[in-house]
Amino acid sequence: MATYIIETEGLNFQYSKNKKVLDNISIHVPKGSIYGFLGPNGAGKSTTMRLLTGIIPEQGNAIKLFENPLQEQLPLVFTKIGSLVESPALYLHLSGIDNLKYIAKLRNISEEKIRETLELVDLSRDGKRKAKQYSLGMKQRLAIAMALLSNPELLLLDEPVNGLDPNGIIDIRKLLIKLNKEKGVTIFVSSHLLPEIEKMCTHVGIISKGKLCFEGTMQELSKAAGLCKIQVTLDDASKWQSELESHFKNVNLIAQNQLTLDIGNKDNIPEFIKNLISKNAAVYEVKIVDGLEEWFMTITNENRTDEK
């Protein structure tokens, strides 16, 4: 059986009697995974994060961390957890190093950890600079460094790439994958950006209007999404249309050198390209035009309709 580092069974929460923010949420985060908690703004992601980190107390006893009820472990359990849930609490007039020294002193952590942690988040060269001189992406990496000082087994991040430019988003993604692979940190990350979740996560849960719409591995998500539609650019597309129709559904010629078809699953794309090239097709481009993102929009929109 899988070891779940986070587990909730029928988690409910409401700020008022008339409106549930979370409705019977059951999530299972395997140890060693990068779990993407995905949903539109206002779906209940941040409330879930605040419950997991104890910022707001749960209304019941539905949360387990490290296979034990959260309430029975407070507050010592947080020595094993790093989190970035609210906006980063940085002292902008202090250097990156001094921000980390403050956290180290507060948590009774050796200052020897600071250099190693700065290297981990690629801020070694900027450690002596004041935080107010940092870019938004650097501030976010410094905040993650503060969460990593205690060598946590679990990292909880709420929308860590919000407001970042494309380079900043890539930097955070690479950092999280590195932490997971090299340090074995289990990462629970909330986001409303499906493409980012798809690139780095092993597991995903999708929430909409306080209800869990899907939970599983990325492979299971891809299968649940159904057919994946691709657009192929190649020489003399009309010549290939009839041949492809014998193997694939919905093959449509959209230009002299372009056609679309349902590939079945995005995992089939490499073999599809290989087969075309083996038959001497001149393939210039293959791109997904419909798939997980479209499916995500569909199921979250369906949930919104059900709520009305």
C-alpha atoms as a PDB file:
ATOM      1  CA  MET A   1       0.000   0.000   0.000  1.00  0.00           C
ATOM      2  CA  ALA A   2       1.121   3.525  -0.753  1.00  0.00           C
ATOM      3  CA  THR A   3       2.293   5.715   2.100  1.00  0.00           C
ATOM      4  CA  TYR A   4       0.328   8.972   2.069  1.00  0.00           C
ATOM      5  CA  ILE A   5       2.161  11.936   3.522  1.00  0.00           C
ATOM      6  CA  ILE A   6      -1.066  13.991   3.286  1.00  0.00           C
ATOM      7  CA  GLU A   7      -4.482  12.398   3.537  1.00  0.00           C
ATOM      8  CA  THR A   8      -7.886  13.964   4.046  1.00  0.00           C
ATOM      9  CA  GLU A   9     -11.105  11.993   4.314  1.00  0.00           C
ATOM     10  CA  GLY A  10     -14.305  13.965   3.779  1.00  0.00           C
ATOM     11  CA  LEU A  11     -12.778  17.340   4.585  1.00  0.00           C
ATOM     12  CA  ASN A  12     -15.442  20.043   4.930  1.00  0.00           C
ATOM     13  CA  PHE A  13     -15.111  23.711   5.756  1.00  0.00           C
ATOM     14  CA  GLN A  14     -17.418  26.698   5.823  1.00  0.00           C
ATOM     15  CA  TYR A  15     -16.979  30.289   6.927  1.00  0.00           C
ATOM     16  CA  SER A  16     -20.749  30.716   7.287  1.00  0.00           C
ATOM     17  CA  LYS A  17     -23.747  28.410   7.725  1.00  0.00           C
ATOM     18  CA  ASN A  18     -25.070  29.020   4.240  1.00  0.00           C
ATOM     19  CA  LYS A  19     -22.000  28.346   2.095  1.00  0.00           C
ATOM     20  CA  LYS A  20     -19.541  25.463   2.106  1.00  0.00           C
ATOM     21  CA  VAL A  21     -16.054  26.389   0.935  1.00  0.00           C
ATOM     22  CA  LEU A  22     -14.903  22.746   0.907  1.00  0.00           C
ATOM     23  CA  ASP A  23     -17.362  19.923   0.339  1.00  0.00           C
ATOM     24  CA  ASN A  24     -16.249  16.398   1.284  1.00  0.00           C
ATOM     25  CA  ILE A  25     -12.682  16.691  -0.063  1.00  0.00           C
ATOM     26  CA  SER A  26     -10.628  13.475   0.072  1.00  0.00           C
ATOM     27  CA  ILE A  27      -7.070  13.836  -1.184  1.00  0.00           C
ATOM     28  CA  HIS A  28      -4.191  11.372  -1.038  1.00  0.00           C
ATOM     29  CA  VAL A  29      -0.636  12.626  -1.550  1.00  0.00           C
ATOM     30  CA  PRO A  30       1.901   9.764  -1.889  1.00  0.00           C
ATOM     31  CA  LYS A  31       5.276  10.122  -0.223  1.00  0.00           C
ATOM     32  CA  GLY A  32       7.906  11.265  -2.726  1.00  0.00           C
ATOM     33  CA  SER A  33       5.394  12.744  -5.166  1.00  0.00           C
ATOM     34  CA  ILE A  34       4.919  16.200  -6.641  1.00  0.00           C
ATOM     35  CA  TYR A  35       1.182  16.621  -6.231  1.00  0.00           C
ATOM     36  CA  GLY A  36      -0.503  19.415  -8.155  1.00  0.00           C
ATOM     37  CA  PHE A  37      -3.658  20.790  -6.553  1.00  0.00           C
ATOM     38  CA  LEU A  38      -5.373  22.389  -9.480  1.00  0.00           C
ATOM     39  CA  GLY A  39      -8.429  24.561  -9.841  1.00  0.00           C
ATOM     40  CA  PRO A  40      -9.771  27.947 -10.915  1.00  0.00           C
ATOM     41  CA  ASN A  41      -9.438  30.966  -8.650  1.00  0.00           C
ATOM     42  CA  GLY A  42     -11.951  30.707  -5.810  1.00  0.00           C
ATOM     43  CA  ALA A  43     -12.181  26.909  -6.018  1.00  0.00           C
ATOM     44  CA  GLY A  44     -10.991  26.336  -2.441  1.00  0.00           C
ATOM     45  CA  LYS A  45      -7.273  25.714  -2.980  1.00  0.00           C
ATOM     46  CA  SER A  46      -6.003  28.361  -0.570  1.00  0.00           C
ATOM     47  CA  THR A  47      -8.493  27.365   2.134  1.00  0.00           C
ATOM     48  CA  THR A  48      -7.241  23.772   1.870  1.00  0.00           C
ATOM     49  CA  MET A  49      -3.650  25.010   2.180  1.00  0.00           C
ATOM     50  CA  ARG A  50      -4.479  27.082   5.252  1.00  0.00           C
ATOM     51  CA  LEU A  51      -6.132  24.070   6.874  1.00  0.00           C
ATOM     52  CA  LEU A  52      -3.140  21.822   6.150  1.00  0.00           C
ATOM     53  CA  THR A  53      -0.745  24.350   7.664  1.00  0.00           C
ATOM     54  CA  GLY A  54      -2.906  25.111  10.699  1.00  0.00           C
ATOM     55  CA  ILE A  55      -3.376  28.772   9.771  1.00  0.00           C
ATOM     56  CA  ILE A  56      -7.088  28.109  10.204  1.00  0.00           C
ATOM     57  CA  PRO A  57      -8.281  25.228  12.438  1.00  0.00           C
ATOM     58  CA  GLU A  58     -10.160  22.377  10.785  1.00  0.00           C
ATOM     59  CA  GLN A  59     -13.830  21.860  11.609  1.00  0.00           C
ATOM     60  CA  GLY A  60     -13.592  18.176  12.446  1.00  0.00           C
ATOM     61  CA  ASN A  61     -10.773  15.655  12.370  1.00  0.00           C
ATOM     62  CA  ALA A  62     -10.366  14.856   8.675  1.00  0.00           C
ATOM     63  CA  ILE A  63      -6.690  15.718   8.082  1.00  0.00           C
ATOM     64  CA  LYS A  64      -3.795  13.301   8.461  1.00  0.00           C
ATOM     65  CA  LEU A  65      -0.155  14.266   7.949  1.00  0.00           C
ATOM     66  CA  PHE A  66       2.544  11.582   8.019  1.00  0.00           C
ATOM     67  CA  GLU A  67      -0.239   8.998   8.616  1.00  0.00           C
ATOM     68  CA  ASN A  68      -1.397  10.571  11.900  1.00  0.00           C
ATOM     69  CA  PRO A  69      -4.202  13.048  12.690  1.00  0.00           C
ATOM     70  CA  LEU A  70      -2.973  16.613  12.343  1.00  0.00           C
ATOM     71  CA  GLN A  71      -4.577  17.805  15.581  1.00  0.00           C
ATOM     72  CA  GLU A  72      -2.673  15.216  17.633  1.00  0.00           C
ATOM     73  CA  GLN A  73       0.678  16.423  16.260  1.00  0.00           C
ATOM     74  CA  LEU A  74       0.416  20.175  16.703  1.00  0.00           C
ATOM     75  CA  PRO A  75       2.662  22.112  16.777  1.00  0.00           C
ATOM     76  CA  LEU A  76       5.674  19.742  16.534  1.00  0.00           C
ATOM     77  CA  VAL A  77       4.639  18.374  13.125  1.00  0.00           C
ATOM     78  CA  PHE A  78       5.663  21.675  11.531  1.00  0.00           C
ATOM     79  CA  THR A  79       9.340  20.902  12.161  1.00  0.00           C
ATOM     80  CA  LYS A  80       8.920  18.446   9.262  1.00  0.00           C
ATOM     81  CA  ILE A  81       7.027  20.857   7.006  1.00  0.00           C
ATOM     82  CA  GLY A  82       8.077  23.861   4.960  1.00  0.00           C
ATOM     83  CA  SER A  83       5.356  26.112   3.622  1.00  0.00           C
ATOM     84  CA  LEU A  84       4.735  29.166   1.506  1.00  0.00           C
ATOM     85  CA  VAL A  85       1.035  29.874   1.758  1.00  0.00           C
ATOM     86  CA  GLU A  86       0.573  33.567   2.369  1.00  0.00           C
ATOM     87  CA  SER A  87       2.666  36.251   0.647  1.00  0.00           C
ATOM     88  CA  PRO A  88       6.405  35.839   1.412  1.00  0.00           C
ATOM     89  CA  ALA A  89       7.216  37.495   4.762  1.00  0.00           C
ATOM     90  CA  LEU A  90      10.549  39.002   3.711  1.00  0.00           C
ATOM     91  CA  TYR A  91      12.412  41.783   5.459  1.00  0.00           C
ATOM     92  CA  LEU A  92      13.183  43.886   2.406  1.00  0.00           C
ATOM     93  CA  HIS A  93      15.785  46.067   4.177  1.00  0.00           C
ATOM     94  CA  LEU A  94      17.828  42.959   5.037  1.00  0.00           C
ATOM     95  CA  SER A  95      20.029  40.878   2.756  1.00  0.00           C
ATOM     96  CA  GLY A  96      19.018  37.405   1.641  1.00  0.00           C
ATOM     97  CA  ILE A  97      21.514  35.929   4.099  1.00  0.00           C
ATOM     98  CA  ASP A  98      20.195  38.019   6.998  1.00  0.00           C
ATOM     99  CA  ASN A  99      16.607  37.007   6.194  1.00  0.00           C
ATOM    100  CA  LEU A 100      17.696  33.382   6.491  1.00  0.00           C
ATOM    101  CA  LYS A 101      19.696  34.096   9.679  1.00  0.00           C
ATOM    102  CA  TYR A 102      16.555  35.489  11.274  1.00  0.00           C
ATOM    103  CA  ILE A 103      14.573  32.349  10.387  1.00  0.00           C
ATOM    104  CA  ALA A 104      17.436  30.102  11.546  1.00  0.00           C
ATOM    105  CA  LYS A 105      17.545  31.839  14.934  1.00  0.00           C
ATOM    106  CA  LEU A 106      13.762  31.701  15.273  1.00  0.00           C
ATOM    107  CA  ARG A 107      13.688  27.949  14.576  1.00  0.00           C
ATOM    108  CA  ASN A 108      16.905  27.097  16.394  1.00  0.00           C
ATOM    109  CA  ILE A 109      18.595  25.929  13.172  1.00  0.00           C
ATOM    110  CA  SER A 110      22.365  26.077  12.641  1.00  0.00           C
ATOM    111  CA  GLU A 111      23.458  28.999  10.453  1.00  0.00           C
ATOM    112  CA  GLU A 112      25.687  26.547   8.600  1.00  0.00           C
ATOM    113  CA  LYS A 113      22.546  25.531   6.679  1.00  0.00           C
ATOM    114  CA  ILE A 114      22.250  28.975   5.097  1.00  0.00           C
ATOM    115  CA  ARG A 115      24.986  28.634   2.478  1.00  0.00           C
ATOM    116  CA  GLU A 116      23.759  25.197   1.394  1.00  0.00           C
ATOM    117  CA  THR A 117      20.170  26.432   1.128  1.00  0.00           C
ATOM    118  CA  LEU A 118      21.149  29.511  -0.911  1.00  0.00           C
ATOM    119  CA  GLU A 119      23.001  27.225  -3.333  1.00  0.00           C
ATOM    120  CA  LEU A 120      19.955  25.009  -3.597  1.00  0.00           C
ATOM    121  CA  VAL A 121      17.739  27.903  -4.727  1.00  0.00           C
ATOM    122  CA  ASP A 122      20.495  29.462  -6.880  1.00  0.00           C
ATOM    123  CA  LEU A 123      20.905  32.634  -4.803  1.00  0.00           C
ATOM    124  CA  SER A 124      24.510  32.168  -3.645  1.00  0.00           C
ATOM    125  CA  ARG A 125      25.775  35.138  -5.658  1.00  0.00           C
ATOM    126  CA  ASP A 126      22.971  37.374  -4.416  1.00  0.00           C
ATOM    127  CA  GLY A 127      22.972  36.447  -0.736  1.00  0.00           C
ATOM    128  CA  LYS A 128      24.528  39.729   0.390  1.00  0.00           C
ATOM    129  CA  ARG A 129      22.161  41.900  -1.633  1.00  0.00           C
ATOM    130  CA  LYS A 130      19.157  43.457   0.083  1.00  0.00           C
ATOM    131  CA  ALA A 131      15.897  41.660  -0.619  1.00  0.00           C
ATOM    132  CA  LYS A 132      14.333  44.892  -1.920  1.00  0.00           C
ATOM    133  CA  GLN A 133      16.761  44.673  -4.862  1.00  0.00           C
ATOM    134  CA  TYR A 134      15.573  41.183  -5.792  1.00  0.00           C
ATOM    135  CA  SER A 135      13.291  40.465  -8.739  1.00  0.00           C
ATOM    136  CA  LEU A 136       9.912  38.902  -7.974  1.00  0.00           C
ATOM    137  CA  GLY A 137      11.253  35.485  -8.942  1.00  0.00           C
ATOM    138  CA  MET A 138      14.288  35.892  -6.668  1.00  0.00           C
ATOM    139  CA  LYS A 139      12.046  36.914  -3.771  1.00  0.00           C
ATOM    140  CA  GLN A 140       9.983  33.798  -4.359  1.00  0.00           C
ATOM    141  CA  ARG A 141      13.112  31.611  -4.361  1.00  0.00           C
ATOM    142  CA  LEU A 142      14.286  33.284  -1.146  1.00  0.00           C
ATOM    143  CA  ALA A 143      10.905  32.554   0.460  1.00  0.00           C
ATOM    144  CA  ILE A 144      11.219  28.913  -0.610  1.00  0.00           C
ATOM    145  CA  ALA A 145      14.754  28.885   0.860  1.00  0.00           C
ATOM    146  CA  MET A 146      13.281  30.043   4.175  1.00  0.00           C
ATOM    147  CA  ALA A 147      10.846  27.122   4.020  1.00  0.00           C
ATOM    148  CA  LEU A 148      13.694  24.699   3.259  1.00  0.00           C
ATOM    149  CA  LEU A 149      16.043  25.670   6.095  1.00  0.00           C
ATOM    150  CA  SER A 150      14.786  22.943   8.427  1.00  0.00           C
ATOM    151  CA  ASN A 151      15.206  20.137   5.835  1.00  0.00           C
ATOM    152  CA  PRO A 152      11.454  19.496   5.594  1.00  0.00           C
ATOM    153  CA  GLU A 153      10.042  16.205   4.379  1.00  0.00           C
ATOM    154  CA  LEU A 154       6.997  18.011   3.000  1.00  0.00           C
ATOM    155  CA  LEU A 155       6.787  21.335   1.163  1.00  0.00           C
ATOM    156  CA  LEU A 156       3.429  23.131   0.830  1.00  0.00           C
ATOM    157  CA  LEU A 157       3.283  25.888  -1.788  1.00  0.00           C
ATOM    158  CA  ASP A 158       0.232  27.980  -2.663  1.00  0.00           C
ATOM    159  CA  GLU A 159       0.410  29.451  -6.203  1.00  0.00           C
ATOM    160  CA  PRO A 160       4.241  29.784  -6.119  1.00  0.00           C
ATOM    161  CA  VAL A 161       4.488  31.154  -9.680  1.00  0.00           C
ATOM    162  CA  ASN A 162       1.743  33.782  -9.418  1.00  0.00           C
ATOM    163  CA  GLY A 163       2.848  37.013 -11.080  1.00  0.00           C
ATOM    164  CA  LEU A 164       6.158  35.622 -12.338  1.00  0.00           C
ATOM    165  CA  ASP A 165       7.423  36.113 -15.884  1.00  0.00           C
ATOM    166  CA  PRO A 166       8.107  33.014 -18.046  1.00  0.00           C
ATOM    167  CA  ASN A 167      11.742  32.786 -16.925  1.00  0.00           C
ATOM    168  CA  GLY A 168      10.722  33.021 -13.273  1.00  0.00           C
ATOM    169  CA  ILE A 169       8.122  30.280 -13.760  1.00  0.00           C
ATOM    170  CA  ILE A 170      10.712  27.999 -15.371  1.00  0.00           C
ATOM    171  CA  ASP A 171      13.182  28.662 -12.522  1.00  0.00           C
ATOM    172  CA  ILE A 172      10.622  27.695  -9.855  1.00  0.00           C
ATOM    173  CA  ARG A 173       9.596  24.584 -11.809  1.00  0.00           C
ATOM    174  CA  LYS A 174      13.212  23.414 -12.155  1.00  0.00           C
ATOM    175  CA  LEU A 175      13.825  24.082  -8.460  1.00  0.00           C
ATOM    176  CA  LEU A 176      10.824  22.021  -7.347  1.00  0.00           C
ATOM    177  CA  ILE A 177      11.760  19.087  -9.590  1.00  0.00           C
ATOM    178  CA  LYS A 178      15.335  19.265  -8.244  1.00  0.00           C
ATOM    179  CA  LEU A 179      14.135  19.285  -4.623  1.00  0.00           C
ATOM    180  CA  ASN A 180      11.924  16.292  -5.285  1.00  0.00           C
ATOM    181  CA  LYS A 181      14.513  14.207  -7.156  1.00  0.00           C
ATOM    182  CA  GLU A 182      17.677  15.100  -5.237  1.00  0.00           C
ATOM    183  CA  LYS A 183      16.316  15.688  -1.733  1.00  0.00           C
ATOM    184  CA  GLY A 184      13.289  13.399  -1.786  1.00  0.00           C
ATOM    185  CA  VAL A 185      10.985  16.209  -0.660  1.00  0.00           C
ATOM    186  CA  THR A 186       7.277  15.544  -1.156  1.00  0.00           C
ATOM    187  CA  ILE A 187       5.739  18.667  -2.707  1.00  0.00           C
ATOM    188  CA  PHE A 188       2.093  19.734  -2.566  1.00  0.00           C
ATOM    189  CA  VAL A 189       1.638  22.703  -4.876  1.00  0.00           C
ATOM    190  CA  SER A 190      -1.574  24.531  -5.693  1.00  0.00           C
ATOM    191  CA  SER A 191      -2.046  26.340  -8.985  1.00  0.00           C
ATOM    192  CA  HIS A 192      -4.603  27.385 -11.561  1.00  0.00           C
ATOM    193  CA  LEU A 193      -2.073  26.872 -14.394  1.00  0.00           C
ATOM    194  CA  LEU A 194      -2.586  23.414 -15.917  1.00  0.00           C
ATOM    195  CA  PRO A 195       0.401  23.619 -18.322  1.00  0.00           C
ATOM    196  CA  GLU A 196       2.800  24.158 -15.385  1.00  0.00           C
ATOM    197  CA  ILE A 197       1.263  21.372 -13.308  1.00  0.00           C
ATOM    198  CA  GLU A 198       1.459  19.067 -16.317  1.00  0.00           C
ATOM    199  CA  LYS A 199       5.197  19.728 -16.765  1.00  0.00           C
ATOM    200  CA  MET A 200       6.330  18.958 -13.229  1.00  0.00           C
ATOM    201  CA  CYS A 201       3.784  16.900 -11.285  1.00  0.00           C
ATOM    202  CA  THR A 202       3.462  13.150 -10.819  1.00  0.00           C
ATOM    203  CA  HIS A 203      -0.039  13.333  -9.334  1.00  0.00           C
ATOM    204  CA  VAL A 204      -2.884  15.804  -9.544  1.00  0.00           C
ATOM    205  CA  GLY A 205      -6.132  16.673  -7.818  1.00  0.00           C
ATOM    206  CA  ILE A 206      -8.629  18.978  -9.513  1.00  0.00           C
ATOM    207  CA  ILE A 207     -10.998  21.047  -7.395  1.00  0.00           C
ATOM    208  CA  SER A 208     -13.861  23.245  -8.531  1.00  0.00           C
ATOM    209  CA  LYS A 209     -16.378  25.072  -6.336  1.00  0.00           C
ATOM    210  CA  GLY A 210     -15.094  23.258  -3.260  1.00  0.00           C
ATOM    211  CA  LYS A 211     -15.549  19.761  -4.725  1.00  0.00           C
ATOM    212  CA  LEU A 212     -12.878  17.355  -5.916  1.00  0.00           C
ATOM    213  CA  CYS A 213     -13.507  16.562  -9.584  1.00  0.00           C
ATOM    214  CA  PHE A 214     -10.533  14.270 -10.189  1.00  0.00           C
ATOM    215  CA  GLU A 215      -7.572  12.690  -8.415  1.00  0.00           C
ATOM    216  CA  GLY A 216      -4.875  10.442  -9.859  1.00  0.00           C
ATOM    217  CA  THR A 217      -1.535  10.268 -11.647  1.00  0.00           C
ATOM    218  CA  MET A 218      -0.750  12.447 -14.641  1.00  0.00           C
ATOM    219  CA  GLN A 219      -1.121   9.340 -16.845  1.00  0.00           C
ATOM    220  CA  GLU A 220      -4.581   8.690 -15.405  1.00  0.00           C
ATOM    221  CA  LEU A 221      -5.498  12.323 -15.967  1.00  0.00           C
ATOM    222  CA  SER A 222      -4.420  12.087 -19.583  1.00  0.00           C
ATOM    223  CA  LYS A 223      -6.548   8.974 -20.076  1.00  0.00           C
ATOM    224  CA  ALA A 224      -9.532  10.562 -18.343  1.00  0.00           C
ATOM    225  CA  ALA A 225      -9.239  13.548 -20.658  1.00  0.00           C
ATOM    226  CA  GLY A 226      -9.989  11.238 -23.567  1.00  0.00           C
ATOM    227  CA  LEU A 227      -8.798  11.885 -27.084  1.00  0.00           C
ATOM    228  CA  CYS A 228      -5.886  14.219 -27.728  1.00  0.00           C
ATOM    229  CA  LYS A 229      -6.165  16.295 -30.886  1.00  0.00           C
ATOM    230  CA  ILE A 230      -2.979  17.235 -32.765  1.00  0.00           C
ATOM    231  CA  GLN A 231      -2.130  19.411 -35.748  1.00  0.00           C
ATOM    232  CA  VAL A 232       0.491  18.044 -38.153  1.00  0.00           C
ATOM    233  CA  THR A 233       2.425  20.146 -40.675  1.00  0.00           C
ATOM    234  CA  LEU A 234       3.980  18.035 -43.453  1.00  0.00           C
ATOM    235  CA  ASP A 235       4.519  18.022 -47.201  1.00  0.00           C
ATOM    236  CA  ASP A 236       1.455  17.141 -49.295  1.00  0.00           C
ATOM    237  CA  ALA A 237      -0.928  16.598 -46.374  1.00  0.00           C
ATOM    238  CA  SER A 238      -3.761  15.442 -48.665  1.00  0.00           C
ATOM    239  CA  LYS A 239      -1.617  12.492 -49.766  1.00  0.00           C
ATOM    240  CA  TRP A 240      -1.356  11.297 -46.144  1.00  0.00           C
ATOM    241  CA  GLN A 241      -4.973  11.958 -45.169  1.00  0.00           C
ATOM    242  CA  SER A 242      -6.419   8.693 -46.512  1.00  0.00           C
ATOM    243  CA  GLU A 243      -3.642   6.579 -44.988  1.00  0.00           C
ATOM    244  CA  LEU A 244      -4.043   8.189 -41.579  1.00  0.00           C
ATOM    245  CA  GLU A 245      -7.837   7.767 -41.703  1.00  0.00           C
ATOM    246  CA  SER A 246      -7.370   3.996 -41.549  1.00  0.00           C
ATOM    247  CA  HIS A 247      -5.614   4.303 -38.180  1.00  0.00           C
ATOM    248  CA  PHE A 248      -6.985   7.460 -36.513  1.00  0.00           C
ATOM    249  CA  LYS A 249     -10.293   9.233 -35.944  1.00  0.00           C
ATOM    250  CA  ASN A 250     -11.353  12.668 -37.179  1.00  0.00           C
ATOM    251  CA  VAL A 251      -8.545  13.212 -39.697  1.00  0.00           C
ATOM    252  CA  ASN A 252      -9.243  16.606 -41.298  1.00  0.00           C
ATOM    253  CA  LEU A 253      -7.300  18.507 -43.949  1.00  0.00           C
ATOM    254  CA  ILE A 254      -7.127  22.167 -42.894  1.00  0.00           C
ATOM    255  CA  ALA A 255      -4.517  23.427 -45.398  1.00  0.00           C
ATOM    256  CA  GLN A 256      -2.378  22.098 -48.227  1.00  0.00           C
ATOM    257  CA  ASN A 257       0.339  21.095 -45.755  1.00  0.00           C
ATOM    258  CA  GLN A 258      -1.653  20.755 -42.512  1.00  0.00           C
ATOM    259  CA  LEU A 259      -4.126  18.293 -41.047  1.00  0.00           C
ATOM    260  CA  THR A 260      -5.597  17.528 -37.645  1.00  0.00           C
ATOM    261  CA  LEU A 261      -6.458  14.185 -36.077  1.00  0.00           C
ATOM    262  CA  ASP A 262      -7.328  12.521 -32.766  1.00  0.00           C
ATOM    263  CA  ILE A 263      -4.196  10.717 -31.581  1.00  0.00           C
ATOM    264  CA  GLY A 264      -5.885   8.932 -28.650  1.00  0.00           C
ATOM    265  CA  ASN A 265      -3.364   9.987 -26.006  1.00  0.00           C
ATOM    266  CA  LYS A 266      -0.413  12.382 -26.041  1.00  0.00           C
ATOM    267  CA  ASP A 267       1.877   9.461 -25.113  1.00  0.00           C
ATOM    268  CA  ASN A 268       1.231   8.119 -28.637  1.00  0.00           C
ATOM    269  CA  ILE A 269       2.781  11.165 -30.318  1.00  0.00           C
ATOM    270  CA  PRO A 270       6.468  10.001 -30.413  1.00  0.00           C
ATOM    271  CA  GLU A 271       5.519   6.668 -32.055  1.00  0.00           C
ATOM    272  CA  PHE A 272       3.211   8.510 -34.470  1.00  0.00           C
ATOM    273  CA  ILE A 273       6.047  10.792 -35.619  1.00  0.00           C
ATOM    274  CA  LYS A 274       8.478   7.851 -35.854  1.00  0.00           C
ATOM    275  CA  ASN A 275       6.070   5.922 -38.111  1.00  0.00           C
ATOM    276  CA  LEU A 276       5.505   8.893 -40.411  1.00  0.00           C
ATOM    277  CA  ILE A 277       9.234   9.501 -40.816  1.00  0.00           C
ATOM    278  CA  SER A 278       9.852   5.784 -41.475  1.00  0.00           C
ATOM    279  CA  LYS A 279       7.465   6.155 -44.443  1.00  0.00           C
ATOM    280  CA  ASN A 280       9.520   9.119 -45.726  1.00  0.00           C
ATOM    281  CA  ALA A 281       7.033  11.809 -44.701  1.00  0.00           C
ATOM    282  CA  ALA A 282       8.580  15.281 -44.398  1.00  0.00           C
ATOM    283  CA  VAL A 283       7.227  16.335 -40.990  1.00  0.00           C
ATOM    284  CA  TYR A 284       7.792  19.968 -40.000  1.00  0.00           C
ATOM    285  CA  GLU A 285       5.666  20.342 -36.882  1.00  0.00           C
ATOM    286  CA  VAL A 286       3.363  18.411 -34.577  1.00  0.00           C
ATOM    287  CA  LYS A 287       1.477  20.301 -31.880  1.00  0.00           C
ATOM    288  CA  ILE A 288      -1.339  19.539 -29.469  1.00  0.00           C
ATOM    289  CA  VAL A 289      -4.382  21.687 -30.191  1.00  0.00           C
ATOM    290  CA  ASP A 290      -6.809  20.029 -27.794  1.00  0.00           C
ATOM    291  CA  GLY A 291      -6.206  17.887 -24.730  1.00  0.00           C
ATOM    292  CA  LEU A 292      -5.752  18.241 -20.987  1.00  0.00           C
ATOM    293  CA  GLU A 293      -6.324  21.988 -20.865  1.00  0.00           C
ATOM    294  CA  GLU A 294      -9.560  21.731 -22.819  1.00  0.00           C
ATOM    295  CA  TRP A 295     -10.700  18.839 -20.623  1.00  0.00           C
ATOM    296  CA  PHE A 296      -9.825  20.776 -17.473  1.00  0.00           C
ATOM    297  CA  MET A 297     -11.923  23.704 -18.659  1.00  0.00           C
ATOM    298  CA  THR A 298     -14.777  21.347 -19.503  1.00  0.00           C
ATOM    299  CA  ILE A 299     -14.993  19.591 -16.131  1.00  0.00           C
ATOM    300  CA  THR A 300     -14.566  22.767 -14.094  1.00  0.00           C
ATOM    301  CA  ASN A 301     -17.205  24.537 -16.191  1.00  0.00           C
ATOM    302  CA  GLU A 302     -19.550  21.559 -15.760  1.00  0.00           C
ATOM    303  CA  ASN A 303     -19.101  21.803 -12.004  1.00  0.00           C
ATOM    304  CA  ARG A 304     -19.899  25.502 -12.103  1.00  0.00           C
ATOM    305  CA  THR A 305     -23.068  24.776 -14.073  1.00  0.00           C
ATOM    306  CA  ASP A 306     -24.116  22.145 -11.531  1.00  0.00           C
ATOM    307  CA  GLU A 307     -23.792  24.693  -8.743  1.00  0.00           C
ATOM    308  CA  LYS A 308     -26.245  27.101 -10.346  1.00  0.00           C
END
